[in-house]
Amino acid sequence: MPAEQVDFLIVTALAIETASVRRLLEDPKDLPDDILGSVPRSESLARYSIAVTEIGRMGTAAAQAVAAKALLRLNPKRVVLVGIAAGFPESGIEYGDVMVPYGIMPYGLVKVS
């Protein structure tokens, strides 16, 4: 458990997503279940404390179980679920766009194949 308060818990599904987030952290420290680091606050000398935890696969049940354990372990102020999403050019959504969901849907129900 971290000594300081965690400002943001970032939950990822896959290792490639975790690696992308880890590159943004300053002084990342690998723990058994998490990565701890920090990022600077905009226009401030203060920093946000960040914890990253990886689900290890896609799926609602796995996400719920891993996120629940991380919430108990880290007691973060805020939680953000991040991941790689395909672009939908016909809808004006391109690769790399930031998308904020209205809610979380079961992966199998919304997957486009």
PDB file of N, CA and C in Angstrom:
ATOM      1  N   MET A   1       0.846  -1.176   0.000  1.00  0.00           N
ATOM      2  CA  MET A   1       0.000   0.000   0.000  1.00  0.00           C
ATOM      3  C   MET A   1       0.893   1.242   0.000  1.00  0.00           C
ATOM      4  N   PRO A   2       0.552   2.256  -0.820  1.00  0.00           N
ATOM      5  CA  PRO A   2       1.384   3.448  -0.872  1.00  0.00           C
ATOM      6  C   PRO A   2       1.291   4.264   0.414  1.00  0.00           C
ATOM      7  N   ALA A   3       2.389   4.937   0.735  1.00  0.00           N
ATOM      8  CA  ALA A   3       2.420   5.761   1.941  1.00  0.00           C
ATOM      9  C   ALA A   3       1.583   7.027   1.762  1.00  0.00           C
ATOM     10  N   GLU A   4       1.594   7.590   0.534  1.00  0.00           N
ATOM     11  CA  GLU A   4       0.849   8.816   0.296  1.00  0.00           C
ATOM     12  C   GLU A   4      -0.521   8.517  -0.309  1.00  0.00           C
ATOM     13  N   GLN A   5      -1.379   9.498  -0.268  1.00  0.00           N
ATOM     14  CA  GLN A   5      -2.705   9.379  -0.873  1.00  0.00           C
ATOM     15  C   GLN A   5      -2.552   9.293  -2.391  1.00  0.00           C
ATOM     16  N   VAL A   6      -3.278   8.387  -3.006  1.00  0.00           N
ATOM     17  CA  VAL A   6      -3.278   8.257  -4.463  1.00  0.00           C
ATOM     18  C   VAL A   6      -4.363   9.184  -5.009  1.00  0.00           C
ATOM     19  N   ASP A   7      -3.957  10.119  -5.863  1.00  0.00           N
ATOM     20  CA  ASP A   7      -4.918  11.040  -6.461  1.00  0.00           C
ATOM     21  C   ASP A   7      -5.734  10.362  -7.557  1.00  0.00           C
ATOM     22  N   PHE A   8      -5.062   9.585  -8.417  1.00  0.00           N
ATOM     23  CA  PHE A   8      -5.732   8.915  -9.525  1.00  0.00           C
ATOM     24  C   PHE A   8      -5.293   7.455  -9.599  1.00  0.00           C
ATOM     25  N   LEU A   9      -6.256   6.569  -9.697  1.00  0.00           N
ATOM     26  CA  LEU A   9      -6.002   5.177 -10.047  1.00  0.00           C
ATOM     27  C   LEU A   9      -6.355   5.050 -11.520  1.00  0.00           C
ATOM     28  N   ILE A  10      -5.406   4.635 -12.320  1.00  0.00           N
ATOM     29  CA  ILE A  10      -5.638   4.419 -13.743  1.00  0.00           C
ATOM     30  C   ILE A  10      -5.695   2.915 -13.965  1.00  0.00           C
ATOM     31  N   VAL A  11      -6.802   2.437 -14.494  1.00  0.00           N
ATOM     32  CA  VAL A  11      -7.008   1.010 -14.743  1.00  0.00           C
ATOM     33  C   VAL A  11      -6.879   0.766 -16.243  1.00  0.00           C
ATOM     34  N   THR A  12      -6.038  -0.202 -16.609  1.00  0.00           N
ATOM     35  CA  THR A  12      -5.853  -0.585 -18.009  1.00  0.00           C
ATOM     36  C   THR A  12      -6.220  -2.052 -18.166  1.00  0.00           C
ATOM     37  N   ALA A  13      -6.552  -2.448 -19.385  1.00  0.00           N
ATOM     38  CA  ALA A  13      -6.889  -3.850 -19.633  1.00  0.00           C
ATOM     39  C   ALA A  13      -5.681  -4.653 -20.088  1.00  0.00           C
ATOM     40  N   LEU A  14      -4.850  -4.077 -20.921  1.00  0.00           N
ATOM     41  CA  LEU A  14      -3.789  -4.826 -21.587  1.00  0.00           C
ATOM     42  C   LEU A  14      -2.408  -4.257 -21.292  1.00  0.00           C
ATOM     43  N   ALA A  15      -1.391  -5.088 -21.430  1.00  0.00           N
ATOM     44  CA  ALA A  15      -0.007  -4.688 -21.145  1.00  0.00           C
ATOM     45  C   ALA A  15       0.441  -3.520 -22.021  1.00  0.00           C
ATOM     46  N   ILE A  16       0.034  -3.485 -23.272  1.00  0.00           N
ATOM     47  CA  ILE A  16       0.437  -2.388 -24.166  1.00  0.00           C
ATOM     48  C   ILE A  16      -0.145  -1.059 -23.678  1.00  0.00           C
ATOM     49  N   GLU A  17      -1.336  -1.099 -23.106  1.00  0.00           N
ATOM     50  CA  GLU A  17      -1.956   0.103 -22.550  1.00  0.00           C
ATOM     51  C   GLU A  17      -1.224   0.541 -21.281  1.00  0.00           C
ATOM     52  N   THR A  18      -0.881  -0.423 -20.447  1.00  0.00           N
ATOM     53  CA  THR A  18      -0.137  -0.127 -19.216  1.00  0.00           C
ATOM     54  C   THR A  18       1.212   0.507 -19.551  1.00  0.00           C
ATOM     55  N   ALA A  19       1.904  -0.050 -20.533  1.00  0.00           N
ATOM     56  CA  ALA A  19       3.213   0.481 -20.935  1.00  0.00           C
ATOM     57  C   ALA A  19       3.097   1.920 -21.432  1.00  0.00           C
ATOM     58  N   SER A  20       2.040   2.219 -22.165  1.00  0.00           N
ATOM     59  CA  SER A  20       1.833   3.587 -22.666  1.00  0.00           C
ATOM     60  C   SER A  20       1.616   4.564 -21.523  1.00  0.00           C
ATOM     61  N   VAL A  21       0.819   4.178 -20.540  1.00  0.00           N
ATOM     62  CA  VAL A  21       0.581   5.051 -19.385  1.00  0.00           C
ATOM     63  C   VAL A  21       1.850   5.174 -18.545  1.00  0.00           C
ATOM     64  N   ARG A  22       2.579   4.072 -18.365  1.00  0.00           N
ATOM     65  CA  ARG A  22       3.803   4.081 -17.548  1.00  0.00           C
ATOM     66  C   ARG A  22       4.819   5.085 -18.083  1.00  0.00           C
ATOM     67  N   ARG A  23       4.899   5.212 -19.408  1.00  0.00           N
ATOM     68  CA  ARG A  23       5.858   6.150 -20.017  1.00  0.00           C
ATOM     69  C   ARG A  23       5.560   7.602 -19.634  1.00  0.00           C
ATOM     70  N   LEU A  24       4.342   7.898 -19.241  1.00  0.00           N
ATOM     71  CA  LEU A  24       3.967   9.268 -18.865  1.00  0.00           C
ATOM     72  C   LEU A  24       4.275   9.595 -17.407  1.00  0.00           C
ATOM     73  N   LEU A  25       4.562   8.567 -16.611  1.00  0.00           N
ATOM     74  CA  LEU A  25       4.814   8.767 -15.179  1.00  0.00           C
ATOM     75  C   LEU A  25       6.254   9.173 -14.923  1.00  0.00           C
ATOM     76  N   GLU A  26       6.431  10.028 -13.937  1.00  0.00           N
ATOM     77  CA  GLU A  26       7.775  10.354 -13.477  1.00  0.00           C
ATOM     78  C   GLU A  26       8.084   9.474 -12.276  1.00  0.00           C
ATOM     79  N   ASP A  27       9.288   8.939 -12.245  1.00  0.00           N
ATOM     80  CA  ASP A  27       9.749   8.062 -11.160  1.00  0.00           C
ATOM     81  C   ASP A  27       8.815   6.884 -10.901  1.00  0.00           C
ATOM     82  N   PRO A  28       8.453   6.116 -11.952  1.00  0.00           N
ATOM     83  CA  PRO A  28       7.561   4.977 -11.721  1.00  0.00           C
ATOM     84  C   PRO A  28       8.222   3.907 -10.856  1.00  0.00           C
ATOM     85  N   LYS A  29       7.454   3.355  -9.933  1.00  0.00           N
ATOM     86  CA  LYS A  29       7.926   2.283  -9.052  1.00  0.00           C
ATOM     87  C   LYS A  29       7.007   1.086  -9.256  1.00  0.00           C
ATOM     88  N   ASP A  30       7.597  -0.058  -9.579  1.00  0.00           N
ATOM     89  CA  ASP A  30       6.808  -1.267  -9.774  1.00  0.00           C
ATOM     90  C   ASP A  30       6.557  -1.948  -8.441  1.00  0.00           C
ATOM     91  N   LEU A  31       5.290  -2.184  -8.135  1.00  0.00           N
ATOM     92  CA  LEU A  31       4.863  -2.936  -6.962  1.00  0.00           C
ATOM     93  C   LEU A  31       4.281  -4.259  -7.450  1.00  0.00           C
ATOM     94  N   PRO A  32       3.982  -5.189  -6.567  1.00  0.00           N
ATOM     95  CA  PRO A  32       3.441  -6.479  -7.027  1.00  0.00           C
ATOM     96  C   PRO A  32       2.187  -6.368  -7.900  1.00  0.00           C
ATOM     97  N   ASP A  33       1.278  -5.462  -7.565  1.00  0.00           N
ATOM     98  CA  ASP A  33       0.027  -5.362  -8.326  1.00  0.00           C
ATOM     99  C   ASP A  33      -0.171  -4.030  -9.035  1.00  0.00           C
ATOM    100  N   ASP A  34       0.705  -3.081  -8.804  1.00  0.00           N
ATOM    101  CA  ASP A  34       0.495  -1.727  -9.308  1.00  0.00           C
ATOM    102  C   ASP A  34       1.814  -1.094  -9.723  1.00  0.00           C
ATOM    103  N   ILE A  35       1.687   0.023 -10.408  1.00  0.00           N
ATOM    104  CA  ILE A  35       2.812   0.916 -10.670  1.00  0.00           C
ATOM    105  C   ILE A  35       2.445   2.233 -10.015  1.00  0.00           C
ATOM    106  N   LEU A  36       3.359   2.799  -9.251  1.00  0.00           N
ATOM    107  CA  LEU A  36       3.135   4.103  -8.621  1.00  0.00           C
ATOM    108  C   LEU A  36       4.072   5.122  -9.240  1.00  0.00           C
ATOM    109  N   GLY A  37       3.580   6.317  -9.442  1.00  0.00           N
ATOM    110  CA  GLY A  37       4.391   7.397  -9.984  1.00  0.00           C
ATOM    111  C   GLY A  37       3.669   8.708  -9.767  1.00  0.00           C
ATOM    112  N   SER A  38       4.097   9.706 -10.510  1.00  0.00           N
ATOM    113  CA  SER A  38       3.447  11.004 -10.394  1.00  0.00           C
ATOM    114  C   SER A  38       3.525  11.734 -11.723  1.00  0.00           C
ATOM    115  N   VAL A  39       2.705  12.764 -11.841  1.00  0.00           N
ATOM    116  CA  VAL A  39       2.735  13.671 -12.985  1.00  0.00           C
ATOM    117  C   VAL A  39       2.573  15.081 -12.451  1.00  0.00           C
ATOM    118  N   PRO A  40       3.163  16.052 -13.143  1.00  0.00           N
ATOM    119  CA  PRO A  40       3.006  17.436 -12.671  1.00  0.00           C
ATOM    120  C   PRO A  40       1.604  17.958 -12.926  1.00  0.00           C
ATOM    121  N   ARG A  41       1.148  18.819 -12.039  1.00  0.00           N
ATOM    122  CA  ARG A  41      -0.124  19.515 -12.248  1.00  0.00           C
ATOM    123  C   ARG A  41       0.127  20.682 -13.194  1.00  0.00           C
ATOM    124  N   SER A  42      -0.861  20.991 -13.982  1.00  0.00           N
ATOM    125  CA  SER A  42      -0.752  22.089 -14.936  1.00  0.00           C
ATOM    126  C   SER A  42      -0.617  23.414 -14.196  1.00  0.00           C
ATOM    127  N   GLU A  43       0.345  24.213 -14.596  1.00  0.00           N
ATOM    128  CA  GLU A  43       0.571  25.550 -14.045  1.00  0.00           C
ATOM    129  C   GLU A  43       0.731  25.548 -12.532  1.00  0.00           C
ATOM    130  N   SER A  44       1.430  24.534 -12.010  1.00  0.00           N
ATOM    131  CA  SER A  44       1.632  24.420 -10.566  1.00  0.00           C
ATOM    132  C   SER A  44       2.912  23.639 -10.304  1.00  0.00           C
ATOM    133  N   LEU A  45       3.470  23.832  -9.136  1.00  0.00           N
ATOM    134  CA  LEU A  45       4.623  23.027  -8.732  1.00  0.00           C
ATOM    135  C   LEU A  45       4.191  21.722  -8.080  1.00  0.00           C
ATOM    136  N   ALA A  46       2.908  21.631  -7.770  1.00  0.00           N
ATOM    137  CA  ALA A  46       2.375  20.428  -7.126  1.00  0.00           C
ATOM    138  C   ALA A  46       2.308  19.272  -8.136  1.00  0.00           C
ATOM    139  N   ARG A  47       2.119  18.062  -7.615  1.00  0.00           N
ATOM    140  CA  ARG A  47       2.086  16.861  -8.447  1.00  0.00           C
ATOM    141  C   ARG A  47       0.857  16.027  -8.091  1.00  0.00           C
ATOM    142  N   TYR A  48       0.409  15.253  -9.045  1.00  0.00           N
ATOM    143  CA  TYR A  48      -0.620  14.249  -8.798  1.00  0.00           C
ATOM    144  C   TYR A  48       0.054  12.913  -8.560  1.00  0.00           C
ATOM    145  N   SER A  49      -0.368  12.197  -7.534  1.00  0.00           N
ATOM    146  CA  SER A  49       0.092  10.842  -7.277  1.00  0.00           C
ATOM    147  C   SER A  49      -0.767   9.895  -8.119  1.00  0.00           C
ATOM    148  N   ILE A  50      -0.109   9.025  -8.884  1.00  0.00           N
ATOM    149  CA  ILE A  50      -0.794   8.142  -9.826  1.00  0.00           C
ATOM    150  C   ILE A  50      -0.472   6.688  -9.503  1.00  0.00           C
ATOM    151  N   ALA A  51      -1.491   5.850  -9.513  1.00  0.00           N
ATOM    152  CA  ALA A  51      -1.305   4.398  -9.433  1.00  0.00           C
ATOM    153  C   ALA A  51      -1.905   3.806 -10.707  1.00  0.00           C
ATOM    154  N   VAL A  52      -1.220   2.832 -11.280  1.00  0.00           N
ATOM    155  CA  VAL A  52      -1.705   2.148 -12.475  1.00  0.00           C
ATOM    156  C   VAL A  52      -1.851   0.675 -12.134  1.00  0.00           C
ATOM    157  N   THR A  53      -2.997   0.118 -12.443  1.00  0.00           N
ATOM    158  CA  THR A  53      -3.208  -1.316 -12.246  1.00  0.00           C
ATOM    159  C   THR A  53      -3.765  -1.897 -13.538  1.00  0.00           C
ATOM    160  N   GLU A  54      -3.307  -3.089 -13.863  1.00  0.00           N
ATOM    161  CA  GLU A  54      -3.676  -3.741 -15.122  1.00  0.00           C
ATOM    162  C   GLU A  54      -4.604  -4.923 -14.872  1.00  0.00           C
ATOM    163  N   ILE A  55      -5.660  -4.983 -15.646  1.00  0.00           N
ATOM    164  CA  ILE A  55      -6.595  -6.095 -15.540  1.00  0.00           C
ATOM    165  C   ILE A  55      -5.967  -7.364 -16.103  1.00  0.00           C
ATOM    166  N   GLY A  56      -5.250  -7.236 -17.211  1.00  0.00           N
ATOM    167  CA  GLY A  56      -4.559  -8.379 -17.805  1.00  0.00           C
ATOM    168  C   GLY A  56      -5.320  -9.012 -18.956  1.00  0.00           C
ATOM    169  N   ARG A  57      -6.557  -8.620 -19.126  1.00  0.00           N
ATOM    170  CA  ARG A  57      -7.357  -9.104 -20.252  1.00  0.00           C
ATOM    171  C   ARG A  57      -8.609  -8.245 -20.348  1.00  0.00           C
ATOM    172  N   MET A  58      -9.331  -8.405 -21.443  1.00  0.00           N
ATOM    173  CA  MET A  58     -10.573  -7.669 -21.612  1.00  0.00           C
ATOM    174  C   MET A  58     -11.707  -8.454 -20.973  1.00  0.00           C
ATOM    175  N   GLY A  59     -12.741  -7.772 -20.604  1.00  0.00           N
ATOM    176  CA  GLY A  59     -13.904  -8.445 -20.040  1.00  0.00           C
ATOM    177  C   GLY A  59     -14.415  -7.750 -18.799  1.00  0.00           C
ATOM    178  N   THR A  60     -15.718  -7.688 -18.669  1.00  0.00           N
ATOM    179  CA  THR A  60     -16.349  -6.971 -17.571  1.00  0.00           C
ATOM    180  C   THR A  60     -16.081  -7.600 -16.209  1.00  0.00           C
ATOM    181  N   ALA A  61     -16.195  -8.925 -16.107  1.00  0.00           N
ATOM    182  CA  ALA A  61     -15.996  -9.588 -14.810  1.00  0.00           C
ATOM    183  C   ALA A  61     -14.576  -9.377 -14.295  1.00  0.00           C
ATOM    184  N   ALA A  62     -13.595  -9.535 -15.171  1.00  0.00           N
ATOM    185  CA  ALA A  62     -12.200  -9.330 -14.770  1.00  0.00           C
ATOM    186  C   ALA A  62     -11.967  -7.882 -14.357  1.00  0.00           C
ATOM    187  N   ALA A  63     -12.527  -6.952 -15.110  1.00  0.00           N
ATOM    188  CA  ALA A  63     -12.357  -5.531 -14.789  1.00  0.00           C
ATOM    189  C   ALA A  63     -12.939  -5.202 -13.429  1.00  0.00           C
ATOM    190  N   GLN A  64     -14.121  -5.729 -13.141  1.00  0.00           N
ATOM    191  CA  GLN A  64     -14.753  -5.466 -11.852  1.00  0.00           C
ATOM    192  C   GLN A  64     -13.928  -6.026 -10.705  1.00  0.00           C
ATOM    193  N   ALA A  65     -13.425  -7.233 -10.848  1.00  0.00           N
ATOM    194  CA  ALA A  65     -12.661  -7.871  -9.772  1.00  0.00           C
ATOM    195  C   ALA A  65     -11.349  -7.138  -9.502  1.00  0.00           C
ATOM    196  N   VAL A  66     -10.607  -6.844 -10.557  1.00  0.00           N
ATOM    197  CA  VAL A  66      -9.312  -6.174 -10.387  1.00  0.00           C
ATOM    198  C   VAL A  66      -9.504  -4.748  -9.870  1.00  0.00           C
ATOM    199  N   ALA A  67     -10.467  -4.027 -10.426  1.00  0.00           N
ATOM    200  CA  ALA A  67     -10.703  -2.648  -9.985  1.00  0.00           C
ATOM    201  C   ALA A  67     -11.149  -2.603  -8.517  1.00  0.00           C
ATOM    202  N   ALA A  68     -12.011  -3.529  -8.112  1.00  0.00           N
ATOM    203  CA  ALA A  68     -12.469  -3.552  -6.716  1.00  0.00           C
ATOM    204  C   ALA A  68     -11.305  -3.780  -5.755  1.00  0.00           C
ATOM    205  N   LYS A  69     -10.420  -4.707  -6.082  1.00  0.00           N
ATOM    206  CA  LYS A  69      -9.253  -4.967  -5.222  1.00  0.00           C
ATOM    207  C   LYS A  69      -8.334  -3.749  -5.174  1.00  0.00           C
ATOM    208  N   ALA A  70      -8.132  -3.100  -6.323  1.00  0.00           N
ATOM    209  CA  ALA A  70      -7.264  -1.913  -6.363  1.00  0.00           C
ATOM    210  C   ALA A  70      -7.863  -0.764  -5.558  1.00  0.00           C
ATOM    211  N   LEU A  71      -9.187  -0.614  -5.613  1.00  0.00           N
ATOM    212  CA  LEU A  71      -9.834   0.436  -4.821  1.00  0.00           C
ATOM    213  C   LEU A  71      -9.614   0.214  -3.332  1.00  0.00           C
ATOM    214  N   LEU A  72      -9.731  -1.015  -2.891  1.00  0.00           N
ATOM    215  CA  LEU A  72      -9.499  -1.318  -1.471  1.00  0.00           C
ATOM    216  C   LEU A  72      -8.031  -1.139  -1.095  1.00  0.00           C
ATOM    217  N   ARG A  73      -7.151  -1.563  -1.970  1.00  0.00           N
ATOM    218  CA  ARG A  73      -5.715  -1.529  -1.696  1.00  0.00           C
ATOM    219  C   ARG A  73      -5.168  -0.106  -1.697  1.00  0.00           C
ATOM    220  N   LEU A  74      -5.652   0.747  -2.598  1.00  0.00           N
ATOM    221  CA  LEU A  74      -5.038   2.053  -2.821  1.00  0.00           C
ATOM    222  C   LEU A  74      -5.861   3.239  -2.326  1.00  0.00           C
ATOM    223  N   ASN A  75      -7.166   3.057  -2.167  1.00  0.00           N
ATOM    224  CA  ASN A  75      -8.055   4.125  -1.719  1.00  0.00           C
ATOM    225  C   ASN A  75      -7.845   5.432  -2.495  1.00  0.00           C
ATOM    226  N   PRO A  76      -7.953   5.384  -3.821  1.00  0.00           N
ATOM    227  CA  PRO A  76      -7.699   6.588  -4.621  1.00  0.00           C
ATOM    228  C   PRO A  76      -8.831   7.596  -4.512  1.00  0.00           C
ATOM    229  N   LYS A  77      -8.512   8.857  -4.799  1.00  0.00           N
ATOM    230  CA  LYS A  77      -9.536   9.903  -4.830  1.00  0.00           C
ATOM    231  C   LYS A  77     -10.391   9.783  -6.086  1.00  0.00           C
ATOM    232  N   ARG A  78      -9.766   9.380  -7.216  1.00  0.00           N
ATOM    233  CA  ARG A  78     -10.458   9.296  -8.499  1.00  0.00           C
ATOM    234  C   ARG A  78      -9.990   8.052  -9.247  1.00  0.00           C
ATOM    235  N   VAL A  79     -10.842   7.536 -10.131  1.00  0.00           N
ATOM    236  CA  VAL A  79     -10.504   6.362 -10.938  1.00  0.00           C
ATOM    237  C   VAL A  79     -10.762   6.692 -12.402  1.00  0.00           C
ATOM    238  N   VAL A  80      -9.809   6.301 -13.249  1.00  0.00           N
ATOM    239  CA  VAL A  80      -9.938   6.508 -14.687  1.00  0.00           C
ATOM    240  C   VAL A  80      -9.649   5.177 -15.373  1.00  0.00           C
ATOM    241  N   LEU A  81     -10.543   4.750 -16.242  1.00  0.00           N
ATOM    242  CA  LEU A  81     -10.343   3.558 -17.055  1.00  0.00           C
ATOM    243  C   LEU A  81      -9.862   4.028 -18.412  1.00  0.00           C
ATOM    244  N   VAL A  82      -8.671   3.580 -18.824  1.00  0.00           N
ATOM    245  CA  VAL A  82      -8.120   4.006 -20.108  1.00  0.00           C
ATOM    246  C   VAL A  82      -7.836   2.792 -20.970  1.00  0.00           C
ATOM    247  N   GLY A  83      -7.778   3.013 -22.261  1.00  0.00           N
ATOM    248  CA  GLY A  83      -7.466   1.919 -23.158  1.00  0.00           C
ATOM    249  C   GLY A  83      -7.344   2.393 -24.585  1.00  0.00           C
ATOM    250  N   ILE A  84      -7.008   1.460 -25.418  1.00  0.00           N
ATOM    251  CA  ILE A  84      -6.858   1.726 -26.843  1.00  0.00           C
ATOM    252  C   ILE A  84      -8.209   1.481 -27.500  1.00  0.00           C
ATOM    253  N   ALA A  85      -8.679   2.464 -28.209  1.00  0.00           N
ATOM    254  CA  ALA A  85      -9.937   2.314 -28.933  1.00  0.00           C
ATOM    255  C   ALA A  85      -9.674   2.548 -30.410  1.00  0.00           C
ATOM    256  N   ALA A  86     -10.335   1.789 -31.230  1.00  0.00           N
ATOM    257  CA  ALA A  86     -10.197   1.981 -32.665  1.00  0.00           C
ATOM    258  C   ALA A  86     -10.915   3.262 -33.063  1.00  0.00           C
ATOM    259  N   GLY A  87     -10.453   3.870 -34.122  1.00  0.00           N
ATOM    260  CA  GLY A  87     -11.123   5.051 -34.634  1.00  0.00           C
ATOM    261  C   GLY A  87     -12.358   4.666 -35.429  1.00  0.00           C
ATOM    262  N   PHE A  88     -13.267   5.580 -35.505  1.00  0.00           N
ATOM    263  CA  PHE A  88     -14.466   5.421 -36.326  1.00  0.00           C
ATOM    264  C   PHE A  88     -14.558   6.657 -37.211  1.00  0.00           C
ATOM    265  N   PRO A  89     -13.755   6.692 -38.300  1.00  0.00           N
ATOM    266  CA  PRO A  89     -13.704   7.897 -39.139  1.00  0.00           C
ATOM    267  C   PRO A  89     -15.071   8.355 -39.632  1.00  0.00           C
ATOM    268  N   GLU A  90     -15.987   7.413 -39.881  1.00  0.00           N
ATOM    269  CA  GLU A  90     -17.317   7.791 -40.356  1.00  0.00           C
ATOM    270  C   GLU A  90     -18.094   8.585 -39.315  1.00  0.00           C
ATOM    271  N   SER A  91     -17.664   8.496 -38.046  1.00  0.00           N
ATOM    272  CA  SER A  91     -18.307   9.250 -36.967  1.00  0.00           C
ATOM    273  C   SER A  91     -17.463  10.439 -36.516  1.00  0.00           C
ATOM    274  N   GLY A  92     -16.364  10.684 -37.224  1.00  0.00           N
ATOM    275  CA  GLY A  92     -15.487  11.790 -36.857  1.00  0.00           C
ATOM    276  C   GLY A  92     -14.525  11.457 -35.732  1.00  0.00           C
ATOM    277  N   ILE A  93     -14.400  10.179 -35.380  1.00  0.00           N
ATOM    278  CA  ILE A  93     -13.489   9.745 -34.317  1.00  0.00           C
ATOM    279  C   ILE A  93     -12.264   9.111 -34.966  1.00  0.00           C
ATOM    280  N   GLU A  94     -11.094   9.679 -34.723  1.00  0.00           N
ATOM    281  CA  GLU A  94      -9.849   9.205 -35.323  1.00  0.00           C
ATOM    282  C   GLU A  94      -8.991   8.510 -34.272  1.00  0.00           C
ATOM    283  N   TYR A  95      -7.989   7.755 -34.730  1.00  0.00           N
ATOM    284  CA  TYR A  95      -7.045   7.137 -33.806  1.00  0.00           C
ATOM    285  C   TYR A  95      -6.397   8.209 -32.943  1.00  0.00           C
ATOM    286  N   GLY A  96      -6.304   7.947 -31.656  1.00  0.00           N
ATOM    287  CA  GLY A  96      -5.678   8.883 -30.734  1.00  0.00           C
ATOM    288  C   GLY A  96      -6.628   9.897 -30.124  1.00  0.00           C
ATOM    289  N   ASP A  97      -7.862   9.959 -30.607  1.00  0.00           N
ATOM    290  CA  ASP A  97      -8.829  10.864 -29.998  1.00  0.00           C
ATOM    291  C   ASP A  97      -9.144  10.400 -28.578  1.00  0.00           C
ATOM    292  N   VAL A  98      -9.396  11.352 -27.709  1.00  0.00           N
ATOM    293  CA  VAL A  98      -9.792  11.035 -26.343  1.00  0.00           C
ATOM    294  C   VAL A  98     -11.305  10.880 -26.333  1.00  0.00           C
ATOM    295  N   MET A  99     -11.757   9.735 -25.839  1.00  0.00           N
ATOM    296  CA  MET A  99     -13.188   9.480 -25.758  1.00  0.00           C
ATOM    297  C   MET A  99     -13.567   9.278 -24.297  1.00  0.00           C
ATOM    298  N   VAL A 100     -14.596   9.960 -23.857  1.00  0.00           N
ATOM    299  CA  VAL A 100     -15.085   9.825 -22.490  1.00  0.00           C
ATOM    300  C   VAL A 100     -16.456   9.160 -22.567  1.00  0.00           C
ATOM    301  N   PRO A 101     -16.585   7.973 -21.988  1.00  0.00           N
ATOM    302  CA  PRO A 101     -17.852   7.248 -22.135  1.00  0.00           C
ATOM    303  C   PRO A 101     -18.949   7.774 -21.216  1.00  0.00           C
ATOM    304  N   TYR A 102     -20.168   7.512 -21.605  1.00  0.00           N
ATOM    305  CA  TYR A 102     -21.317   7.778 -20.743  1.00  0.00           C
ATOM    306  C   TYR A 102     -21.433   6.683 -19.695  1.00  0.00           C
ATOM    307  N   GLY A 103     -20.935   5.499 -20.017  1.00  0.00           N
ATOM    308  CA  GLY A 103     -20.996   4.359 -19.112  1.00  0.00           C
ATOM    309  C   GLY A 103     -20.119   3.246 -19.651  1.00  0.00           C
ATOM    310  N   ILE A 104     -20.053   2.165 -18.920  1.00  0.00           N
ATOM    311  CA  ILE A 104     -19.248   1.020 -19.327  1.00  0.00           C
ATOM    312  C   ILE A 104     -20.194  -0.085 -19.764  1.00  0.00           C
ATOM    313  N   MET A 105     -19.966  -0.604 -20.953  1.00  0.00           N
ATOM    314  CA  MET A 105     -20.800  -1.658 -21.515  1.00  0.00           C
ATOM    315  C   MET A 105     -20.011  -2.966 -21.517  1.00  0.00           C
ATOM    316  N   PRO A 106     -20.678  -4.100 -21.379  1.00  0.00           N
ATOM    317  CA  PRO A 106     -19.983  -5.383 -21.499  1.00  0.00           C
ATOM    318  C   PRO A 106     -19.294  -5.488 -22.860  1.00  0.00           C
ATOM    319  N   TYR A 107     -18.026  -5.840 -22.835  1.00  0.00           N
ATOM    320  CA  TYR A 107     -17.195  -5.853 -24.041  1.00  0.00           C
ATOM    321  C   TYR A 107     -17.828  -6.667 -25.161  1.00  0.00           C
ATOM    322  N   GLY A 108     -18.325  -7.851 -24.851  1.00  0.00           N
ATOM    323  CA  GLY A 108     -18.890  -8.735 -25.867  1.00  0.00           C
ATOM    324  C   GLY A 108     -20.102  -8.161 -26.564  1.00  0.00           C
ATOM    325  N   LEU A 109     -20.837  -7.266 -25.905  1.00  0.00           N
ATOM    326  CA  LEU A 109     -22.042  -6.696 -26.493  1.00  0.00           C
ATOM    327  C   LEU A 109     -21.771  -5.545 -27.433  1.00  0.00           C
ATOM    328  N   VAL A 110     -20.610  -4.903 -27.296  1.00  0.00           N
ATOM    329  CA  VAL A 110     -20.346  -3.714 -28.107  1.00  0.00           C
ATOM    330  C   VAL A 110     -19.188  -3.892 -29.081  1.00  0.00           C
ATOM    331  N   LYS A 111     -18.545  -5.032 -29.055  1.00  0.00           N
ATOM    332  CA  LYS A 111     -17.405  -5.271 -29.937  1.00  0.00           C
ATOM    333  C   LYS A 111     -17.866  -5.312 -31.387  1.00  0.00           C
ATOM    334  N   VAL A 112     -17.157  -4.597 -32.230  1.00  0.00           N
ATOM    335  CA  VAL A 112     -17.420  -4.604 -33.668  1.00  0.00           C
ATOM    336  C   VAL A 112     -16.400  -5.543 -34.287  1.00  0.00           C
ATOM    337  N   SER A 113     -16.873  -6.548 -35.000  1.00  0.00           N
ATOM    338  CA  SER A 113     -15.913  -7.491 -35.597  1.00  0.00           C
ATOM    339  C   SER A 113     -15.987  -7.474 -37.096  1.00  0.00           C
TER     340      SER A 113
END
